Amino acid sequence: MTSATPSRLPELVSRNAKPLLASWLAHQRASSAARLDLISNSELDDQSKRFLASVEAALNAGSYDDPSSNGWTDARELLREISRSRAIQGFSPNETASFVFSLKQPLFDLVRRELGAQPQQVADETWRISLIVDQLGLFTMEAFQQSREEIIARQQQELLELSTPVVRLWDRILALPLVGTLDSARTQVVMESLLERIVETGSEVAIIDITGVPTVDTLVAQHLLKTVAATRLMGADCIISGIRPQIAQTIVHLGVDLGAVITKATLADAFAVALKMTGASLTSRST
């Protein structure tokens, strides 16, 4: 609990802003957590200068006991921005939080230097500094973790989209080669990608090739059937290719009913069927 004595921090920080910034930057650069291999000196200087200015503004607004109050809104928003930027640059949570925690020692030094003849005031201000910096440091770690989770989620979504390319094989014929495990999240991406391409190209036949799918269980089969049903609702027929002997046996043992879905062993066989369904044909050129 802080003392009822009015804080001297606003005055001390405002009057010593430049030397305090210089001391803080020196502490950061002397630490391995600064990761100057990931961030430029100019960017570090800019972030430090902006954050110290936001701290000064909050203190001068009378918010020196509660960093979660409205007076610290700008400082928290800046820390959220810095956390996101450092998550992208490759900093660890500890390295990112050290940006804030490294301000503690320069502030301690400032208080001892300016108020050394007043032990009680030094103790009070030291305690205030600890409360402020610790809470802001914890906020920074939370913001960093949230930013990193958002980045990971976006990257996973992008990978899903890249792993489900819809290829136009021929006029009104699309192919969707699947590689890897087919789960609920990926099925949704597959379905959306395929339906969008059907609308864009006006295709009448879609070939889903599962040659690259390692195993087919009941859940995978259900996902395939949902995709086939959605394709039909868009007015296109669907062919499943890549039905290997092992997969055929598994589907039979599982009792999965593929209904009227056309299945073929290879993509080439499925393509030949699709050509007939669209009324197109290929002729071999005589040598």
C-alpha atoms as a PDB file:
ATOM      1  CA  MET A   1       0.000   0.000   0.000  1.00  0.00           C
ATOM      2  CA  THR A   2       1.388   3.425  -0.965  1.00  0.00           C
ATOM      3  CA  SER A   3       1.836   6.290   1.460  1.00  0.00           C
ATOM      4  CA  ALA A   4      -0.622   9.155   1.666  1.00  0.00           C
ATOM      5  CA  THR A   5       2.284  11.515   1.047  1.00  0.00           C
ATOM      6  CA  PRO A   6       1.904  13.284  -2.336  1.00  0.00           C
ATOM      7  CA  SER A   7       4.158  11.689  -4.914  1.00  0.00           C
ATOM      8  CA  ARG A   8       7.243  13.483  -6.175  1.00  0.00           C
ATOM      9  CA  LEU A   9       7.473  11.234  -9.245  1.00  0.00           C
ATOM     10  CA  PRO A  10       5.636  13.590 -11.653  1.00  0.00           C
ATOM     11  CA  GLU A  11       8.020  16.416 -10.852  1.00  0.00           C
ATOM     12  CA  LEU A  12      11.153  14.241 -10.881  1.00  0.00           C
ATOM     13  CA  VAL A  13      10.353  12.525 -14.191  1.00  0.00           C
ATOM     14  CA  SER A  14       9.373  15.777 -15.951  1.00  0.00           C
ATOM     15  CA  ARG A  15      12.447  17.641 -14.733  1.00  0.00           C
ATOM     16  CA  ASN A  16      14.841  14.797 -15.576  1.00  0.00           C
ATOM     17  CA  ALA A  17      13.160  13.403 -18.715  1.00  0.00           C
ATOM     18  CA  LYS A  18      16.239  13.590 -20.972  1.00  0.00           C
ATOM     19  CA  PRO A  19      18.828  12.077 -18.598  1.00  0.00           C
ATOM     20  CA  LEU A  20      16.273   9.469 -17.505  1.00  0.00           C
ATOM     21  CA  LEU A  21      15.707   8.436 -21.134  1.00  0.00           C
ATOM     22  CA  ALA A  22      19.470   8.259 -21.731  1.00  0.00           C
ATOM     23  CA  SER A  23      19.963   6.113 -18.614  1.00  0.00           C
ATOM     24  CA  TRP A  24      17.086   3.798 -19.573  1.00  0.00           C
ATOM     25  CA  LEU A  25      18.415   3.327 -23.115  1.00  0.00           C
ATOM     26  CA  ALA A  26      21.857   2.536 -21.718  1.00  0.00           C
ATOM     27  CA  HIS A  27      20.357  -0.133 -19.441  1.00  0.00           C
ATOM     28  CA  GLN A  28      18.446  -1.651 -22.334  1.00  0.00           C
ATOM     29  CA  ARG A  29      21.419  -1.775 -24.673  1.00  0.00           C
ATOM     30  CA  ALA A  30      23.571  -3.353 -21.969  1.00  0.00           C
ATOM     31  CA  SER A  31      21.076  -6.190 -21.605  1.00  0.00           C
ATOM     32  CA  SER A  32      20.870  -9.225 -23.903  1.00  0.00           C
ATOM     33  CA  ALA A  33      17.072  -8.858 -23.745  1.00  0.00           C
ATOM     34  CA  ALA A  34      17.320  -5.765 -25.959  1.00  0.00           C
ATOM     35  CA  ARG A  35      17.913  -8.077 -28.959  1.00  0.00           C
ATOM     36  CA  LEU A  36      19.518  -5.434 -31.137  1.00  0.00           C
ATOM     37  CA  ASP A  37      19.803  -8.134 -33.787  1.00  0.00           C
ATOM     38  CA  LEU A  38      16.009  -7.972 -34.152  1.00  0.00           C
ATOM     39  CA  ILE A  39      15.351  -4.262 -33.698  1.00  0.00           C
ATOM     40  CA  SER A  40      17.199  -1.201 -34.962  1.00  0.00           C
ATOM     41  CA  ASN A  41      18.673   1.401 -32.639  1.00  0.00           C
ATOM     42  CA  SER A  42      16.414   4.069 -34.083  1.00  0.00           C
ATOM     43  CA  GLU A  43      13.289   1.972 -33.466  1.00  0.00           C
ATOM     44  CA  LEU A  44      14.380   1.246 -29.894  1.00  0.00           C
ATOM     45  CA  ASP A  45      15.024   4.955 -29.308  1.00  0.00           C
ATOM     46  CA  ASP A  46      11.618   5.888 -30.722  1.00  0.00           C
ATOM     47  CA  GLN A  47       9.697   3.288 -28.687  1.00  0.00           C
ATOM     48  CA  SER A  48      11.513   4.257 -25.479  1.00  0.00           C
ATOM     49  CA  LYS A  49      10.990   7.976 -26.021  1.00  0.00           C
ATOM     50  CA  ARG A  50       7.275   7.552 -26.747  1.00  0.00           C
ATOM     51  CA  PHE A  51       6.690   5.259 -23.790  1.00  0.00           C
ATOM     52  CA  LEU A  52       8.539   7.498 -21.334  1.00  0.00           C
ATOM     53  CA  ALA A  53       6.493  10.456 -22.576  1.00  0.00           C
ATOM     54  CA  SER A  54       3.269   8.503 -21.966  1.00  0.00           C
ATOM     55  CA  VAL A  55       4.466   7.615 -18.453  1.00  0.00           C
ATOM     56  CA  GLU A  56       5.254  11.272 -17.765  1.00  0.00           C
ATOM     57  CA  ALA A  57       1.800  12.318 -19.004  1.00  0.00           C
ATOM     58  CA  ALA A  58       0.076   9.739 -16.799  1.00  0.00           C
ATOM     59  CA  LEU A  59       2.043  10.788 -13.724  1.00  0.00           C
ATOM     60  CA  ASN A  60       1.318  14.463 -14.330  1.00  0.00           C
ATOM     61  CA  ALA A  61      -2.381  13.601 -14.623  1.00  0.00           C
ATOM     62  CA  GLY A  62      -2.209  12.337 -11.042  1.00  0.00           C
ATOM     63  CA  SER A  63      -2.320   8.617 -11.931  1.00  0.00           C
ATOM     64  CA  TYR A  64       0.693   7.372 -10.004  1.00  0.00           C
ATOM     65  CA  ASP A  65      -0.927   4.588  -7.988  1.00  0.00           C
ATOM     66  CA  ASP A  66      -3.060   2.640 -10.498  1.00  0.00           C
ATOM     67  CA  PRO A  67      -1.668   1.840 -13.988  1.00  0.00           C
ATOM     68  CA  SER A  68      -5.037   0.264 -14.898  1.00  0.00           C
ATOM     69  CA  SER A  69      -6.801   3.638 -14.588  1.00  0.00           C
ATOM     70  CA  ASN A  70      -7.861   5.837 -17.501  1.00  0.00           C
ATOM     71  CA  GLY A  71      -4.819   8.051 -17.031  1.00  0.00           C
ATOM     72  CA  TRP A  72      -2.621   5.211 -18.326  1.00  0.00           C
ATOM     73  CA  THR A  73      -4.727   4.405 -21.408  1.00  0.00           C
ATOM     74  CA  ASP A  74      -2.204   5.865 -23.872  1.00  0.00           C
ATOM     75  CA  ALA A  75       0.681   4.023 -22.189  1.00  0.00           C
ATOM     76  CA  ARG A  76      -1.194   0.708 -22.303  1.00  0.00           C
ATOM     77  CA  GLU A  77      -2.143   1.173 -25.963  1.00  0.00           C
ATOM     78  CA  LEU A  78       1.484   1.917 -26.800  1.00  0.00           C
ATOM     79  CA  LEU A  79       2.620  -1.208 -24.940  1.00  0.00           C
ATOM     80  CA  ARG A  80       0.047  -3.247 -26.850  1.00  0.00           C
ATOM     81  CA  GLU A  81       1.433  -1.850 -30.130  1.00  0.00           C
ATOM     82  CA  ILE A  82       5.026  -2.567 -29.084  1.00  0.00           C
ATOM     83  CA  SER A  83       4.116  -6.092 -27.932  1.00  0.00           C
ATOM     84  CA  ARG A  84       2.514  -6.914 -31.267  1.00  0.00           C
ATOM     85  CA  SER A  85       5.470  -5.500 -33.190  1.00  0.00           C
ATOM     86  CA  ARG A  86       7.950  -7.517 -31.133  1.00  0.00           C
ATOM     87  CA  ALA A  87       5.906 -10.691 -31.443  1.00  0.00           C
ATOM     88  CA  ILE A  88       6.219 -10.334 -35.231  1.00  0.00           C
ATOM     89  CA  GLN A  89       9.953  -9.550 -34.977  1.00  0.00           C
ATOM     90  CA  GLY A  90      10.636 -12.737 -33.006  1.00  0.00           C
ATOM     91  CA  PHE A  91      11.110 -11.489 -29.437  1.00  0.00           C
ATOM     92  CA  SER A  92      10.280 -13.821 -26.539  1.00  0.00           C
ATOM     93  CA  PRO A  93       7.716 -12.831 -23.851  1.00  0.00           C
ATOM     94  CA  ASN A  94      10.510 -12.196 -21.307  1.00  0.00           C
ATOM     95  CA  GLU A  95      12.507 -10.068 -23.753  1.00  0.00           C
ATOM     96  CA  THR A  96       9.421  -8.002 -24.552  1.00  0.00           C
ATOM     97  CA  ALA A  97       8.484  -7.476 -20.893  1.00  0.00           C
ATOM     98  CA  SER A  98      12.086  -6.480 -20.141  1.00  0.00           C
ATOM     99  CA  PHE A  99      11.444  -3.323 -22.170  1.00  0.00           C
ATOM    100  CA  VAL A 100       9.235  -2.141 -19.292  1.00  0.00           C
ATOM    101  CA  PHE A 101      11.039  -3.773 -16.375  1.00  0.00           C
ATOM    102  CA  SER A 102      14.358  -2.199 -17.421  1.00  0.00           C
ATOM    103  CA  LEU A 103      12.892   1.236 -16.611  1.00  0.00           C
ATOM    104  CA  LYS A 104      12.767   0.356 -12.909  1.00  0.00           C
ATOM    105  CA  GLN A 105      16.483   0.735 -12.148  1.00  0.00           C
ATOM    106  CA  PRO A 106      16.881   4.182 -13.792  1.00  0.00           C
ATOM    107  CA  LEU A 107      13.837   5.397 -11.830  1.00  0.00           C
ATOM    108  CA  PHE A 108      15.260   3.991  -8.592  1.00  0.00           C
ATOM    109  CA  ASP A 109      18.569   5.753  -9.259  1.00  0.00           C
ATOM    110  CA  LEU A 110      16.743   9.016  -9.973  1.00  0.00           C
ATOM    111  CA  VAL A 111      14.770   8.864  -6.733  1.00  0.00           C
ATOM    112  CA  ARG A 112      17.812   8.051  -4.611  1.00  0.00           C
ATOM    113  CA  ARG A 113      19.822  10.808  -6.241  1.00  0.00           C
ATOM    114  CA  GLU A 114      17.142  13.481  -5.860  1.00  0.00           C
ATOM    115  CA  LEU A 115      15.589  12.451  -2.536  1.00  0.00           C
ATOM    116  CA  GLY A 116      18.487  10.753  -0.756  1.00  0.00           C
ATOM    117  CA  ALA A 117      18.158  13.073   2.278  1.00  0.00           C
ATOM    118  CA  GLN A 118      14.531  11.959   2.786  1.00  0.00           C
ATOM    119  CA  PRO A 119      14.577   8.188   3.489  1.00  0.00           C
ATOM    120  CA  GLN A 120      10.827   7.856   3.962  1.00  0.00           C
ATOM    121  CA  GLN A 121      10.112   9.675   0.706  1.00  0.00           C
ATOM    122  CA  VAL A 122      12.632   7.453  -1.082  1.00  0.00           C
ATOM    123  CA  ALA A 123      10.897   4.343   0.296  1.00  0.00           C
ATOM    124  CA  ASP A 124       7.457   5.617  -0.719  1.00  0.00           C
ATOM    125  CA  GLU A 125       8.518   6.509  -4.243  1.00  0.00           C
ATOM    126  CA  THR A 126      10.434   3.248  -4.661  1.00  0.00           C
ATOM    127  CA  TRP A 127       7.305   1.343  -3.728  1.00  0.00           C
ATOM    128  CA  ARG A 128       5.214   3.379  -6.182  1.00  0.00           C
ATOM    129  CA  ILE A 129       7.709   2.723  -8.957  1.00  0.00           C
ATOM    130  CA  SER A 130       7.629  -1.010  -8.247  1.00  0.00           C
ATOM    131  CA  LEU A 131       3.821  -1.103  -8.372  1.00  0.00           C
ATOM    132  CA  ILE A 132       3.627   0.880 -11.604  1.00  0.00           C
ATOM    133  CA  VAL A 133       6.410  -0.909 -13.497  1.00  0.00           C
ATOM    134  CA  ASP A 134       5.403  -4.399 -12.330  1.00  0.00           C
ATOM    135  CA  GLN A 135       1.777  -3.939 -13.400  1.00  0.00           C
ATOM    136  CA  LEU A 136       2.779  -2.479 -16.753  1.00  0.00           C
ATOM    137  CA  GLY A 137       5.266  -5.316 -17.245  1.00  0.00           C
ATOM    138  CA  LEU A 138       2.570  -7.929 -16.589  1.00  0.00           C
ATOM    139  CA  PHE A 139       0.228  -6.100 -18.971  1.00  0.00           C
ATOM    140  CA  THR A 140       2.959  -6.198 -21.615  1.00  0.00           C
ATOM    141  CA  MET A 141       3.377  -9.969 -21.258  1.00  0.00           C
ATOM    142  CA  GLU A 142      -0.383 -10.494 -21.583  1.00  0.00           C
ATOM    143  CA  ALA A 143      -0.541  -8.247 -24.640  1.00  0.00           C
ATOM    144  CA  PHE A 144       2.417 -10.069 -26.189  1.00  0.00           C
ATOM    145  CA  GLN A 145       0.827 -13.484 -25.597  1.00  0.00           C
ATOM    146  CA  GLN A 146      -2.463 -12.346 -27.106  1.00  0.00           C
ATOM    147  CA  SER A 147      -0.684 -10.893 -30.143  1.00  0.00           C
ATOM    148  CA  ARG A 148       1.330 -14.068 -30.675  1.00  0.00           C
ATOM    149  CA  GLU A 149      -1.791 -16.242 -30.443  1.00  0.00           C
ATOM    150  CA  GLU A 150      -3.504 -14.041 -33.046  1.00  0.00           C
ATOM    151  CA  ILE A 151      -0.470 -14.291 -35.339  1.00  0.00           C
ATOM    152  CA  ILE A 152      -0.329 -18.089 -34.968  1.00  0.00           C
ATOM    153  CA  ALA A 153      -4.070 -18.413 -35.644  1.00  0.00           C
ATOM    154  CA  ARG A 154      -3.752 -16.267 -38.776  1.00  0.00           C
ATOM    155  CA  GLN A 155      -0.766 -18.253 -40.006  1.00  0.00           C
ATOM    156  CA  GLN A 156      -2.627 -21.522 -39.457  1.00  0.00           C
ATOM    157  CA  GLN A 157      -5.568 -20.165 -41.450  1.00  0.00           C
ATOM    158  CA  GLU A 158      -3.250 -19.082 -44.258  1.00  0.00           C
ATOM    159  CA  LEU A 159      -1.611 -22.522 -44.302  1.00  0.00           C
ATOM    160  CA  LEU A 160      -5.018 -24.161 -44.503  1.00  0.00           C
ATOM    161  CA  GLU A 161      -5.939 -21.991 -47.458  1.00  0.00           C
ATOM    162  CA  LEU A 162      -2.623 -22.684 -49.187  1.00  0.00           C
ATOM    163  CA  SER A 163      -3.026 -26.429 -48.635  1.00  0.00           C
ATOM    164  CA  THR A 164      -6.408 -26.534 -50.385  1.00  0.00           C
ATOM    165  CA  PRO A 165      -5.837 -25.176 -53.913  1.00  0.00           C
ATOM    166  CA  VAL A 166      -8.752 -25.470 -56.319  1.00  0.00           C
ATOM    167  CA  VAL A 167      -7.398 -26.094 -59.823  1.00  0.00           C
ATOM    168  CA  ARG A 168      -9.296 -25.532 -63.072  1.00  0.00           C
ATOM    169  CA  LEU A 169      -8.554 -28.644 -65.148  1.00  0.00           C
ATOM    170  CA  TRP A 170     -10.799 -27.891 -68.083  1.00  0.00           C
ATOM    171  CA  ASP A 171     -13.727 -25.768 -69.101  1.00  0.00           C
ATOM    172  CA  ARG A 172     -16.389 -26.314 -66.369  1.00  0.00           C
ATOM    173  CA  ILE A 173     -14.192 -28.873 -64.534  1.00  0.00           C
ATOM    174  CA  LEU A 174     -12.433 -28.197 -61.246  1.00  0.00           C
ATOM    175  CA  ALA A 175     -10.083 -30.360 -59.199  1.00  0.00           C
ATOM    176  CA  LEU A 176      -9.357 -30.149 -55.488  1.00  0.00           C
ATOM    177  CA  PRO A 177      -6.297 -32.242 -54.522  1.00  0.00           C
ATOM    178  CA  LEU A 178      -6.214 -32.904 -50.777  1.00  0.00           C
ATOM    179  CA  VAL A 179      -2.985 -33.700 -48.947  1.00  0.00           C
ATOM    180  CA  GLY A 180      -2.791 -34.523 -45.243  1.00  0.00           C
ATOM    181  CA  THR A 181      -5.407 -34.947 -42.538  1.00  0.00           C
ATOM    182  CA  LEU A 182      -8.936 -33.707 -43.152  1.00  0.00           C
ATOM    183  CA  ASP A 183     -10.434 -32.304 -39.930  1.00  0.00           C
ATOM    184  CA  SER A 184     -13.435 -30.069 -39.235  1.00  0.00           C
ATOM    185  CA  ALA A 185     -11.522 -26.780 -39.575  1.00  0.00           C
ATOM    186  CA  ARG A 186      -9.899 -27.796 -42.841  1.00  0.00           C
ATOM    187  CA  THR A 187     -13.177 -29.169 -44.185  1.00  0.00           C
ATOM    188  CA  GLN A 188     -14.741 -25.746 -43.724  1.00  0.00           C
ATOM    189  CA  VAL A 189     -11.906 -24.110 -45.681  1.00  0.00           C
ATOM    190  CA  VAL A 190     -12.108 -26.804 -48.373  1.00  0.00           C
ATOM    191  CA  MET A 191     -15.836 -26.325 -48.729  1.00  0.00           C
ATOM    192  CA  GLU A 192     -15.653 -22.535 -48.900  1.00  0.00           C
ATOM    193  CA  SER A 193     -12.787 -22.562 -51.406  1.00  0.00           C
ATOM    194  CA  LEU A 194     -14.505 -25.085 -53.661  1.00  0.00           C
ATOM    195  CA  LEU A 195     -17.900 -23.387 -53.604  1.00  0.00           C
ATOM    196  CA  GLU A 196     -16.378 -19.979 -54.335  1.00  0.00           C
ATOM    197  CA  ARG A 197     -14.504 -21.363 -57.337  1.00  0.00           C
ATOM    198  CA  ILE A 198     -17.638 -23.097 -58.620  1.00  0.00           C
ATOM    199  CA  VAL A 199     -19.434 -19.760 -58.594  1.00  0.00           C
ATOM    200  CA  GLU A 200     -16.478 -17.890 -60.143  1.00  0.00           C
ATOM    201  CA  THR A 201     -15.947 -20.349 -63.004  1.00  0.00           C
ATOM    202  CA  GLY A 202     -19.484 -21.657 -63.521  1.00  0.00           C
ATOM    203  CA  SER A 203     -18.108 -25.199 -63.308  1.00  0.00           C
ATOM    204  CA  GLU A 204     -20.374 -28.226 -63.540  1.00  0.00           C
ATOM    205  CA  VAL A 205     -18.048 -30.923 -62.186  1.00  0.00           C
ATOM    206  CA  ALA A 206     -15.708 -30.914 -59.202  1.00  0.00           C
ATOM    207  CA  ILE A 207     -13.153 -33.655 -58.624  1.00  0.00           C
ATOM    208  CA  ILE A 208     -11.996 -34.153 -55.033  1.00  0.00           C
ATOM    209  CA  ASP A 209      -8.767 -36.117 -55.132  1.00  0.00           C
ATOM    210  CA  ILE A 210      -7.845 -37.818 -51.830  1.00  0.00           C
ATOM    211  CA  THR A 211      -4.696 -39.577 -53.063  1.00  0.00           C
ATOM    212  CA  GLY A 212      -2.692 -37.551 -50.540  1.00  0.00           C
ATOM    213  CA  VAL A 213      -4.998 -38.259 -47.593  1.00  0.00           C
ATOM    214  CA  PRO A 214      -3.206 -40.919 -45.483  1.00  0.00           C
ATOM    215  CA  THR A 215      -6.246 -42.467 -43.809  1.00  0.00           C
ATOM    216  CA  VAL A 216      -9.998 -42.298 -44.130  1.00  0.00           C
ATOM    217  CA  ASP A 217     -12.094 -42.901 -41.022  1.00  0.00           C
ATOM    218  CA  THR A 218     -15.765 -42.253 -40.313  1.00  0.00           C
ATOM    219  CA  LEU A 219     -15.150 -38.578 -39.536  1.00  0.00           C
ATOM    220  CA  VAL A 220     -13.141 -37.984 -42.738  1.00  0.00           C
ATOM    221  CA  ALA A 221     -15.834 -39.756 -44.774  1.00  0.00           C
ATOM    222  CA  GLN A 222     -18.505 -37.550 -43.213  1.00  0.00           C
ATOM    223  CA  HIS A 223     -16.475 -34.454 -44.052  1.00  0.00           C
ATOM    224  CA  LEU A 224     -16.200 -35.600 -47.678  1.00  0.00           C
ATOM    225  CA  LEU A 225     -19.945 -36.275 -47.887  1.00  0.00           C
ATOM    226  CA  LYS A 226     -20.706 -32.802 -46.511  1.00  0.00           C
ATOM    227  CA  THR A 227     -18.481 -31.250 -49.162  1.00  0.00           C
ATOM    228  CA  VAL A 228     -20.154 -33.333 -51.890  1.00  0.00           C
ATOM    229  CA  ALA A 229     -23.619 -32.294 -50.636  1.00  0.00           C
ATOM    230  CA  ALA A 230     -22.659 -28.605 -50.601  1.00  0.00           C
ATOM    231  CA  THR A 231     -21.239 -28.918 -54.119  1.00  0.00           C
ATOM    232  CA  ARG A 232     -24.479 -30.436 -55.379  1.00  0.00           C
ATOM    233  CA  LEU A 233     -26.491 -27.642 -53.810  1.00  0.00           C
ATOM    234  CA  MET A 234     -24.444 -25.269 -55.971  1.00  0.00           C
ATOM    235  CA  GLY A 235     -25.570 -27.185 -59.054  1.00  0.00           C
ATOM    236  CA  ALA A 236     -22.334 -29.092 -59.687  1.00  0.00           C
ATOM    237  CA  ASP A 237     -21.635 -32.834 -59.713  1.00  0.00           C
ATOM    238  CA  CYS A 238     -18.830 -34.244 -57.600  1.00  0.00           C
ATOM    239  CA  ILE A 239     -16.369 -37.086 -58.211  1.00  0.00           C
ATOM    240  CA  ILE A 240     -14.033 -38.496 -55.547  1.00  0.00           C
ATOM    241  CA  SER A 241     -10.767 -39.857 -56.912  1.00  0.00           C
ATOM    242  CA  GLY A 242      -7.796 -41.502 -55.261  1.00  0.00           C
ATOM    243  CA  ILE A 243      -9.751 -44.398 -53.769  1.00  0.00           C
ATOM    244  CA  ARG A 244      -6.973 -46.874 -53.029  1.00  0.00           C
ATOM    245  CA  PRO A 245      -7.700 -50.520 -52.123  1.00  0.00           C
ATOM    246  CA  GLN A 246      -6.956 -49.879 -48.437  1.00  0.00           C
ATOM    247  CA  ILE A 247      -9.308 -46.905 -48.355  1.00  0.00           C
ATOM    248  CA  ALA A 248     -12.032 -48.858 -50.154  1.00  0.00           C
ATOM    249  CA  GLN A 249     -11.763 -51.647 -47.568  1.00  0.00           C
ATOM    250  CA  THR A 250     -11.833 -49.163 -44.698  1.00  0.00           C
ATOM    251  CA  ILE A 251     -14.963 -47.459 -46.041  1.00  0.00           C
ATOM    252  CA  VAL A 252     -16.696 -50.840 -46.398  1.00  0.00           C
ATOM    253  CA  HIS A 253     -15.691 -51.948 -42.878  1.00  0.00           C
ATOM    254  CA  LEU A 254     -16.896 -48.664 -41.426  1.00  0.00           C
ATOM    255  CA  GLY A 255     -20.237 -49.064 -43.166  1.00  0.00           C
ATOM    256  CA  VAL A 256     -20.016 -45.601 -44.688  1.00  0.00           C
ATOM    257  CA  ASP A 257     -22.585 -45.099 -47.438  1.00  0.00           C
ATOM    258  CA  LEU A 258     -21.227 -42.879 -50.182  1.00  0.00           C
ATOM    259  CA  GLY A 259     -24.593 -43.024 -51.893  1.00  0.00           C
ATOM    260  CA  ALA A 260     -24.586 -41.964 -55.516  1.00  0.00           C
ATOM    261  CA  VAL A 261     -21.152 -40.365 -55.297  1.00  0.00           C
ATOM    262  CA  ILE A 262     -18.969 -41.319 -58.245  1.00  0.00           C
ATOM    263  CA  THR A 263     -15.578 -42.674 -57.106  1.00  0.00           C
ATOM    264  CA  LYS A 264     -12.493 -43.444 -59.156  1.00  0.00           C
ATOM    265  CA  ALA A 265      -9.075 -44.894 -58.384  1.00  0.00           C
ATOM    266  CA  THR A 266      -7.083 -42.139 -60.056  1.00  0.00           C
ATOM    267  CA  LEU A 267      -7.441 -38.481 -60.963  1.00  0.00           C
ATOM    268  CA  ALA A 268      -7.000 -39.382 -64.628  1.00  0.00           C
ATOM    269  CA  ASP A 269      -9.996 -41.732 -64.493  1.00  0.00           C
ATOM    270  CA  ALA A 270     -12.071 -39.094 -62.736  1.00  0.00           C
ATOM    271  CA  PHE A 271     -11.066 -36.494 -65.340  1.00  0.00           C
ATOM    272  CA  ALA A 272     -12.190 -38.803 -68.155  1.00  0.00           C
ATOM    273  CA  VAL A 273     -15.595 -39.182 -66.484  1.00  0.00           C
ATOM    274  CA  ALA A 274     -15.852 -35.431 -65.944  1.00  0.00           C
ATOM    275  CA  LEU A 275     -15.188 -34.779 -69.632  1.00  0.00           C
ATOM    276  CA  LYS A 276     -18.073 -37.084 -70.580  1.00  0.00           C
ATOM    277  CA  MET A 277     -20.363 -35.429 -68.052  1.00  0.00           C
ATOM    278  CA  THR A 278     -19.683 -32.005 -69.589  1.00  0.00           C
ATOM    279  CA  GLY A 279     -19.951 -33.283 -73.139  1.00  0.00           C
ATOM    280  CA  ALA A 280     -16.298 -32.646 -73.907  1.00  0.00           C
ATOM    281  CA  SER A 281     -13.820 -35.110 -75.334  1.00  0.00           C
ATOM    282  CA  LEU A 282     -10.110 -35.503 -75.992  1.00  0.00           C
ATOM    283  CA  THR A 283      -8.550 -37.091 -79.015  1.00  0.00           C
ATOM    284  CA  SER A 284      -5.021 -38.375 -79.223  1.00  0.00           C
ATOM    285  CA  ARG A 285      -2.802 -36.859 -81.897  1.00  0.00           C
ATOM    286  CA  SER A 286      -1.372 -39.468 -84.263  1.00  0.00           C
ATOM    287  CA  THR A 287       2.399 -39.464 -84.537  1.00  0.00           C
END
